Amino acid sequence: MSIISVNDLVVSFGSGSDFKQVVKNVAFDVEPGETFGLVGESGCGKSTVLGALAGRIKGWSGSISIDGEAVGPKRSRSQLAKQQMVFQDPFGSLHPRHTIGRTLLEPLEIHGFDQRQERVERVLRDVGLPPGFRHRFPHQLSGGQRQRVAIARALILNPGILLLDEPTSALDVSIQAEILNLLKDLRERDKLTYVLVSHDMAVIAHLCNRVAVMLDGQFVEVASREQLLRGSVQHPYTRTLLDGSRGYVPPPKLAS
C-alpha cells in the first residue's frame, strides 16, 4: 500500500482578476521507503504541492492520504507528526535567539514526548553533530551544520516521512553532497520515505527513485531514476532540464 496517495490535487490562490490556479489536477503515489522527486522551474507549483502535503497550505481540493489515512486541510497533531518538513534556508528556518537544544526540545514538548534530553543528544549524533552543539546558537554554526540541525528537528518526532524543500540549494557545492549522502544514509537506516522538491536534476538523480516533472502546475512526465541516467525521457521539457543539468556543451567545430 502506498504511504502517500494524492489524487486530483488543485491549489488556487486569489479571487476575481487575481485568481490563479497554481496546481492543476495533480495525482501521484509514493511507496514506503521511496524518494519521490518534484522538479521544475521556479513558480511551476512544486513547492505548493509540498505545502499542501505538509498541511501548511489550506486552500486545496482533491484527496490526500498519508499512511492509509485520508487527511484534510486541517490536521491533528498525530497526523502532523507522521511527516516533517526540511526547508531550503537553514538559517531562516531556525530561531536566531534559541539555542539548538531549545529548538529541538520544542516539538518534543508540543507532542508530549518523554526522555527529551536523551532524544536531543541522540538525534544530534544521528545527523553527525556532537551533543555539545545543543548549547550553540544558529549564528555560531556553518550553513551545513545548520541544515543538519534542521534535519535533526524534522527527525526528532520519529516521522515516517520527510518533506524536503530544496534542502541543499542554499549550501556551498562542497557541502551539498554531504547533506545528500546524510539523507540517503538516514533513509536506508530508518526506512524513511521522502518527497523531495528541487530544480536541480543532478540532486534528483542522486537521491530519487522516481521524479515528476512539473510545468505550469501540471505533471508532464513521471520518470524513473534509470530513465534519467540513460536520458530515455519522453517529454521535451524533461529533456531540456536534463540537458541543462549537464552544463554547457560547445557546438562542434565546422570543418575548414
Protein backbone atom coordinates (compact mmCIF):
# COMPACT_ATOMS: atom_id res chain seq x y z
CA MET A 1 0.00 0.00 0.00
CA SER A 2 1.23 3.49 -0.85
CA ILE A 3 2.31 5.59 2.14
CA ILE A 4 1.29 8.78 0.28
CA SER A 5 -1.55 8.98 -2.20
CA VAL A 6 -2.59 12.21 -3.92
CA ASN A 7 -5.47 12.42 -6.38
CA ASP A 8 -6.85 15.34 -8.39
CA LEU A 9 -5.00 17.91 -6.27
CA VAL A 10 -5.90 21.50 -7.17
CA VAL A 11 -4.46 24.55 -5.40
CA SER A 12 -5.67 28.07 -6.19
CA PHE A 13 -4.92 31.50 -4.80
CA GLY A 14 -6.69 34.84 -5.06
CA SER A 15 -10.09 35.69 -6.50
CA GLY A 16 -11.59 37.65 -9.36
CA SER A 17 -8.95 39.12 -11.62
CA ASP A 18 -6.25 37.92 -9.18
CA PHE A 19 -7.39 34.28 -9.28
CA LYS A 20 -4.67 31.82 -10.22
CA GLN A 21 -4.68 28.04 -10.28
CA VAL A 22 -1.17 27.07 -9.23
CA VAL A 23 -1.54 23.26 -9.12
CA LYS A 24 -3.81 21.59 -11.67
CA ASN A 25 -5.24 18.11 -11.08
CA VAL A 26 -2.01 16.51 -9.87
CA ALA A 27 -2.01 12.82 -8.90
CA PHE A 28 0.75 10.53 -7.63
CA ASP A 29 1.52 7.74 -5.16
CA VAL A 30 4.67 7.22 -3.09
CA GLU A 31 5.69 3.79 -1.85
CA PRO A 32 7.18 3.21 1.64
CA GLY A 33 10.94 3.79 1.60
CA GLU A 34 10.85 5.59 -1.75
CA THR A 35 12.18 9.05 -2.56
CA PHE A 36 9.78 10.76 -4.93
CA GLY A 37 11.00 13.94 -6.58
CA LEU A 38 9.23 17.02 -7.86
CA VAL A 39 11.32 19.02 -10.32
CA GLY A 40 10.70 22.08 -12.46
CA GLU A 41 11.48 25.76 -12.79
CA SER A 42 10.61 28.33 -10.12
CA GLY A 43 6.87 29.00 -9.96
CA CYS A 44 5.81 25.71 -11.52
CA GLY A 45 3.92 24.63 -8.37
CA LYS A 46 6.23 22.00 -6.91
CA SER A 47 6.69 23.68 -3.50
CA THR A 48 2.94 24.32 -3.40
CA VAL A 49 2.30 20.58 -3.74
CA LEU A 50 4.71 20.02 -0.84
CA GLY A 51 2.94 22.70 1.22
CA ALA A 52 -0.43 21.01 0.69
CA LEU A 53 1.05 17.65 1.71
CA ALA A 54 2.54 19.20 4.85
CA GLY A 55 -0.70 20.92 5.87
CA ARG A 56 0.85 24.37 5.51
CA ILE A 57 -1.39 25.31 2.57
CA LYS A 58 -5.09 25.05 3.37
CA GLY A 59 -6.79 26.12 0.14
CA TRP A 60 -6.71 22.90 -1.84
CA SER A 61 -9.21 20.42 -3.24
CA GLY A 62 -8.86 16.78 -4.21
CA SER A 63 -7.74 13.99 -1.90
CA ILE A 64 -4.58 13.27 0.11
CA SER A 65 -3.93 10.11 2.12
CA ILE A 66 -0.97 9.72 4.48
CA ASP A 67 -0.12 6.23 5.75
CA GLY A 68 -3.54 4.97 4.69
CA GLU A 69 -5.47 7.78 6.41
CA ALA A 70 -7.34 10.46 4.45
CA VAL A 71 -6.33 13.94 5.62
CA GLY A 72 -7.87 17.35 5.08
CA PRO A 73 -6.52 20.89 5.17
CA LYS A 74 -6.74 20.84 8.99
CA ARG A 75 -4.59 18.17 10.65
CA SER A 76 -4.46 16.63 14.08
CA ARG A 77 -1.17 16.57 15.98
CA SER A 78 -0.78 12.86 15.32
CA GLN A 79 -1.29 13.43 11.59
CA LEU A 80 1.25 16.27 11.56
CA ALA A 81 3.79 14.16 13.46
CA LYS A 82 3.80 11.48 10.74
CA GLN A 83 5.58 13.78 8.30
CA GLN A 84 8.00 16.61 8.94
CA MET A 85 9.48 19.26 6.66
CA VAL A 86 13.04 20.42 5.95
CA PHE A 87 13.22 23.87 4.39
CA GLN A 88 15.54 25.44 1.85
CA ASP A 89 17.18 28.08 4.04
CA PRO A 90 18.64 26.54 7.21
CA PHE A 91 19.34 29.95 8.75
CA GLY A 92 15.88 31.37 8.13
CA SER A 93 14.13 28.24 9.42
CA LEU A 94 15.90 28.26 12.82
CA HIS A 95 15.01 30.78 15.53
CA PRO A 96 18.08 33.05 15.85
CA ARG A 97 17.62 33.59 19.61
CA HIS A 98 17.03 29.95 20.53
CA THR A 99 19.86 27.54 21.22
CA ILE A 100 19.93 24.39 19.15
CA GLY A 101 18.79 22.47 22.23
CA ARG A 102 15.79 24.76 22.69
CA THR A 103 14.88 24.37 19.00
CA LEU A 104 14.97 20.59 19.26
CA LEU A 105 13.12 20.43 22.58
CA GLU A 106 10.15 22.46 21.36
CA PRO A 107 8.48 19.79 19.16
CA LEU A 108 9.04 17.20 21.92
CA GLU A 109 7.22 19.43 24.39
CA ILE A 110 4.36 20.17 21.99
CA HIS A 111 3.79 16.47 21.28
CA GLY A 112 4.36 15.29 24.87
CA PHE A 113 7.45 13.11 24.35
CA ASP A 114 9.46 11.98 27.37
CA GLN A 115 13.26 11.49 27.77
CA ARG A 116 13.72 14.79 25.99
CA GLN A 117 17.40 15.48 26.69
CA GLU A 118 18.34 11.96 25.64
CA ARG A 119 16.35 12.35 22.42
CA VAL A 120 18.07 15.66 21.66
CA GLU A 121 21.54 14.19 22.12
CA ARG A 122 20.68 11.08 20.10
CA VAL A 123 19.27 12.99 17.12
CA LEU A 124 22.29 15.32 17.04
CA ARG A 125 24.56 12.28 16.83
CA ASP A 126 22.31 10.84 14.09
CA VAL A 127 22.99 13.87 11.88
CA GLY A 128 26.71 13.93 12.60
CA LEU A 129 26.87 16.66 15.24
CA PRO A 130 28.31 16.34 18.78
CA PRO A 131 25.78 16.60 21.65
CA GLY A 132 27.51 19.79 22.87
CA PHE A 133 26.08 21.64 19.87
CA ARG A 134 22.79 21.88 21.77
CA HIS A 135 24.28 24.85 23.65
CA ARG A 136 25.09 26.81 20.48
CA PHE A 137 23.03 29.37 18.56
CA PRO A 138 22.38 29.19 14.80
CA HIS A 139 24.80 32.05 14.01
CA GLN A 140 27.61 30.00 15.56
CA LEU A 141 27.15 27.20 13.00
CA SER A 142 28.09 26.86 9.36
CA GLY A 143 25.39 26.52 6.71
CA GLY A 144 25.89 22.76 6.50
CA GLN A 145 25.72 22.41 10.29
CA ARG A 146 22.52 24.46 10.41
CA GLN A 147 20.93 22.22 7.79
CA ARG A 148 21.95 19.18 9.85
CA VAL A 149 20.12 20.77 12.80
CA ALA A 150 17.07 21.35 10.58
CA ILE A 151 17.13 17.67 9.61
CA ALA A 152 17.51 16.72 13.29
CA ARG A 153 14.46 18.83 14.16
CA ALA A 154 12.47 17.03 11.46
CA LEU A 155 13.61 13.62 12.73
CA ILE A 156 13.10 14.15 16.45
CA LEU A 157 9.41 13.14 16.41
CA ASN A 158 10.29 9.87 14.62
CA PRO A 159 8.22 10.57 11.49
CA GLY A 160 7.99 8.06 8.68
CA ILE A 161 8.03 10.78 6.02
CA LEU A 162 10.29 13.77 5.38
CA LEU A 163 9.20 16.54 3.01
CA LEU A 164 12.35 18.17 1.63
CA ASP A 165 12.03 21.60 0.02
CA GLU A 166 15.27 22.32 -1.86
CA PRO A 167 17.31 21.06 1.13
CA THR A 168 20.74 21.73 -0.45
CA SER A 169 20.20 24.72 -2.75
CA ALA A 170 21.31 27.31 -0.16
CA LEU A 171 24.55 25.44 0.58
CA ASP A 172 28.00 25.55 -0.96
CA VAL A 173 28.55 22.92 -3.62
CA SER A 174 31.18 21.22 -1.44
CA ILE A 175 28.60 20.74 1.34
CA GLN A 176 25.65 19.68 -0.83
CA ALA A 177 26.97 16.15 -1.37
CA GLU A 178 27.50 15.68 2.38
CA ILE A 179 23.87 16.58 3.13
CA LEU A 180 22.54 14.41 0.29
CA ASN A 181 24.61 11.45 1.50
CA LEU A 182 23.38 12.03 5.06
CA LEU A 183 19.77 12.00 3.85
CA LYS A 184 20.43 8.83 1.87
CA ASP A 185 22.00 7.09 4.87
CA LEU A 186 19.14 8.13 7.19
CA ARG A 187 16.55 6.91 4.69
CA GLU A 188 18.19 3.50 4.46
CA ARG A 189 18.79 3.16 8.21
CA ASP A 190 15.35 4.29 9.39
CA LYS A 191 13.30 3.13 6.36
CA LEU A 192 12.14 6.71 5.75
CA THR A 193 10.07 7.95 2.83
CA TYR A 194 10.99 11.27 1.18
CA VAL A 195 9.25 13.72 -1.10
CA LEU A 196 11.99 15.97 -2.48
CA VAL A 197 11.45 19.28 -4.28
CA SER A 198 14.35 20.53 -6.37
CA HIS A 199 15.14 22.47 -9.53
CA ASP A 200 18.40 20.52 -9.88
CA MET A 201 18.25 17.32 -11.92
CA ALA A 202 21.63 16.19 -10.53
CA VAL A 203 20.21 16.29 -6.98
CA ILE A 204 17.08 14.46 -8.13
CA ALA A 205 19.09 11.73 -9.89
CA HIS A 206 21.31 11.27 -6.82
CA LEU A 207 18.51 10.68 -4.32
CA CYS A 208 15.22 9.89 -6.06
CA ASN A 209 13.72 6.63 -7.25
CA ARG A 210 11.17 8.47 -9.39
CA VAL A 211 10.57 12.09 -10.35
CA ALA A 212 7.54 14.03 -11.52
CA VAL A 213 8.44 16.85 -13.91
CA MET A 214 6.20 19.89 -13.40
CA LEU A 215 5.41 22.62 -15.87
CA ASP A 216 2.80 25.32 -15.28
CA GLY A 217 1.19 23.46 -12.37
CA GLN A 218 0.90 20.09 -14.10
CA PHE A 219 2.89 16.88 -14.34
CA VAL A 220 4.21 16.46 -17.86
CA GLU A 221 6.13 13.26 -17.13
CA VAL A 222 6.94 10.83 -14.32
CA ALA A 223 10.31 9.17 -14.91
CA SER A 224 12.43 6.65 -13.03
CA ARG A 225 16.00 7.32 -11.92
CA GLU A 226 17.19 4.83 -14.54
CA GLN A 227 15.42 6.79 -17.27
CA LEU A 228 17.09 9.99 -16.11
CA LEU A 229 20.53 8.39 -16.08
CA ARG A 230 20.01 6.87 -19.53
CA GLY A 231 18.44 10.05 -20.89
CA SER A 232 15.48 8.00 -22.13
CA VAL A 233 12.81 10.53 -21.18
CA GLN A 234 9.80 11.38 -23.32
CA HIS A 235 8.76 15.00 -22.82
CA PRO A 236 10.78 17.82 -24.46
CA TYR A 237 10.74 19.85 -21.23
CA THR A 238 12.22 16.94 -19.26
CA ARG A 239 14.95 16.68 -21.88
CA THR A 240 15.60 20.42 -21.57
CA LEU A 241 16.04 20.08 -17.79
CA LEU A 242 18.38 17.13 -18.26
CA ASP A 243 20.47 18.95 -20.83
CA GLY A 244 20.67 21.99 -18.55
CA SER A 245 21.96 19.86 -15.65
CA ARG A 246 24.87 18.67 -17.79
CA GLY A 247 26.17 22.20 -18.28
CA TYR A 248 27.28 23.98 -21.41
CA VAL A 249 28.49 21.82 -24.28
CA PRO A 250 30.20 23.81 -27.07
CA PRO A 251 28.95 23.18 -30.61
CA PRO A 252 31.15 21.08 -32.88
CA LYS A 253 33.69 22.97 -34.95
CA LEU A 254 32.91 23.33 -38.60
CA ALA A 255 35.36 21.78 -40.99
CA SER A 256 37.57 24.37 -42.64
